[in-house]
Amino acid sequence: MRFTLDARSDINLIRGYGPGAVRVGDRVVTQHFILAADALITEWDVPSAAELSLEHLAPIFELNPEVVLLGTGDAQRFPSAAVRAAFASRGIGLETMDLGAACRTYNILAQEERRVVALLFVR
């Protein structure tokens, strides 16, 4: 799907997504990644959404989000209870959805200047 927005140019926004890739600005990302308005972390060693564990969360918490969107590919897949508890104990909202919904929701929240971080699993 391609987005056409009259949007801010000073923050990271998702311009399109499809099977196996997400376009952030002019960059096409084909591996799992972390996205915030001012950060794009592509060096994130998580094999899949199903294997997301506590040791993978440190770079997310460093971004100090108020809400985290977990985009789990073509279908919604919930993380483990331990991962959900790690977010809850810090007072950080965690919303799990498919990749497309996470991309669309991220853009809305980022443009509203919310402290949103998206964890996007492209496959």
Protein backbone atom coordinates (compact mmCIF):
# COMPACT_ATOMS: atom_id res chain seq x y z
CA MET A 1 0.00 0.00 0.00
CA ARG A 2 1.27 3.48 -0.79
CA PHE A 3 0.58 6.51 1.40
CA THR A 4 0.15 10.02 0.10
CA LEU A 5 0.28 12.53 2.91
CA ASP A 6 0.91 16.22 3.26
CA ALA A 7 3.06 15.49 6.28
CA ARG A 8 5.90 16.83 8.34
CA SER A 9 9.31 16.36 6.77
CA ASP A 10 11.31 16.66 10.00
CA ILE A 11 10.32 13.26 11.47
CA ASN A 12 10.47 9.64 10.35
CA LEU A 13 7.22 8.70 8.63
CA ILE A 14 6.23 5.53 6.85
CA ARG A 15 5.63 6.22 3.17
CA GLY A 16 4.59 2.72 2.17
CA TYR A 17 4.62 -0.94 3.13
CA GLY A 18 4.14 -4.31 1.51
CA PRO A 19 5.18 -7.93 1.82
CA GLY A 20 8.75 -7.96 3.12
CA ALA A 21 9.46 -4.21 3.10
CA VAL A 22 8.57 -0.87 4.65
CA ARG A 23 9.55 2.50 3.20
CA VAL A 24 10.57 5.05 5.86
CA GLY A 25 11.06 8.36 4.10
CA ASP A 26 13.20 7.46 1.10
CA ARG A 27 14.71 4.35 2.69
CA VAL A 28 13.37 0.85 2.08
CA VAL A 29 13.81 -1.42 5.10
CA THR A 30 13.59 -5.18 4.59
CA GLN A 31 14.46 -6.49 8.06
CA HIS A 32 12.75 -6.14 11.43
CA PHE A 33 13.35 -2.68 12.89
CA ILE A 34 12.52 -0.10 15.54
CA LEU A 35 11.13 3.27 14.48
CA ALA A 36 10.56 6.53 16.35
CA ALA A 37 10.08 10.07 15.10
CA ASP A 38 13.81 10.71 15.54
CA ALA A 39 15.29 7.20 15.39
CA LEU A 40 15.52 4.32 12.95
CA ILE A 41 17.21 1.22 14.38
CA THR A 42 17.77 -1.48 11.80
CA GLU A 43 20.44 -3.37 13.73
CA TRP A 44 17.99 -5.22 15.96
CA ASP A 45 18.71 -8.91 16.33
CA VAL A 46 15.27 -10.47 16.80
CA PRO A 47 14.52 -13.53 14.64
CA SER A 48 10.72 -13.08 14.65
CA ALA A 49 7.83 -11.52 16.55
CA ALA A 50 7.17 -14.88 18.22
CA GLU A 51 10.74 -14.89 19.59
CA LEU A 52 10.63 -11.35 21.03
CA SER A 53 12.00 -11.60 24.57
CA LEU A 54 13.09 -9.38 27.44
CA GLU A 55 16.69 -9.11 26.22
CA HIS A 56 15.47 -7.49 22.98
CA LEU A 57 13.70 -4.62 24.75
CA ALA A 58 16.61 -2.43 25.93
CA PRO A 59 16.84 -0.25 22.78
CA ILE A 60 13.10 0.34 22.93
CA PHE A 61 13.11 1.48 26.55
CA GLU A 62 16.07 3.81 25.82
CA LEU A 63 13.78 5.78 23.47
CA ASN A 64 11.46 6.59 26.41
CA PRO A 65 8.15 5.87 24.64
CA GLU A 66 4.68 6.44 26.05
CA VAL A 67 3.23 3.86 23.66
CA VAL A 68 4.79 1.06 21.61
CA LEU A 69 3.18 -0.39 18.51
CA LEU A 70 4.11 -3.99 17.77
CA GLY A 71 3.52 -4.75 14.09
CA THR A 72 3.74 -8.53 13.72
CA GLY A 73 3.70 -9.07 9.96
CA ASP A 74 0.67 -10.26 8.03
CA ALA A 75 -1.27 -11.32 11.15
CA GLN A 76 -1.61 -10.18 14.73
CA ARG A 77 0.63 -12.22 17.07
CA PHE A 78 0.82 -11.41 20.76
CA PRO A 79 4.14 -11.34 22.64
CA SER A 80 4.83 -13.43 25.72
CA ALA A 81 3.38 -12.55 29.11
CA ALA A 82 6.88 -11.59 30.30
CA VAL A 83 7.27 -9.06 27.47
CA ARG A 84 3.81 -7.59 28.12
CA ALA A 85 4.61 -7.34 31.84
CA ALA A 86 7.89 -5.50 31.12
CA PHE A 87 5.97 -2.75 29.34
CA ALA A 88 3.19 -2.63 31.93
CA SER A 89 5.64 -2.35 34.84
CA ARG A 90 7.15 0.75 33.19
CA GLY A 91 3.78 2.34 32.44
CA ILE A 92 4.31 2.03 28.68
CA GLY A 93 1.31 1.14 26.52
CA LEU A 94 1.84 -1.84 24.21
CA GLU A 95 -0.50 -2.28 21.26
CA THR A 96 -0.17 -5.37 19.07
CA MET A 97 -1.48 -5.38 15.50
CA ASP A 98 -0.61 -6.53 12.00
CA LEU A 99 2.09 -4.64 10.07
CA GLY A 100 -0.28 -2.46 8.04
CA ALA A 101 -2.27 -1.30 11.04
CA ALA A 102 0.95 -0.56 12.96
CA CYS A 103 2.32 1.53 10.08
CA ARG A 104 -0.86 3.59 9.76
CA THR A 105 -1.23 4.08 13.51
CA TYR A 106 2.45 5.04 13.89
CA ASN A 107 2.12 7.83 11.31
CA ILE A 108 -0.93 9.31 13.03
CA LEU A 109 0.64 9.25 16.51
CA ALA A 110 4.03 10.54 15.32
CA GLN A 111 2.40 13.50 13.57
CA GLU A 112 0.46 14.24 16.76
CA GLU A 113 3.90 14.51 18.45
CA ARG A 114 3.23 11.54 20.73
CA ARG A 115 6.23 9.59 22.04
CA VAL A 116 5.48 6.55 19.92
CA VAL A 117 7.85 3.74 18.99
CA ALA A 118 7.01 1.08 16.42
CA LEU A 119 8.53 -2.41 16.46
CA LEU A 120 7.96 -3.63 12.94
CA PHE A 121 8.34 -7.21 11.79
CA VAL A 122 8.25 -7.13 8.00
CA ARG A 123 7.91 -10.91 7.57
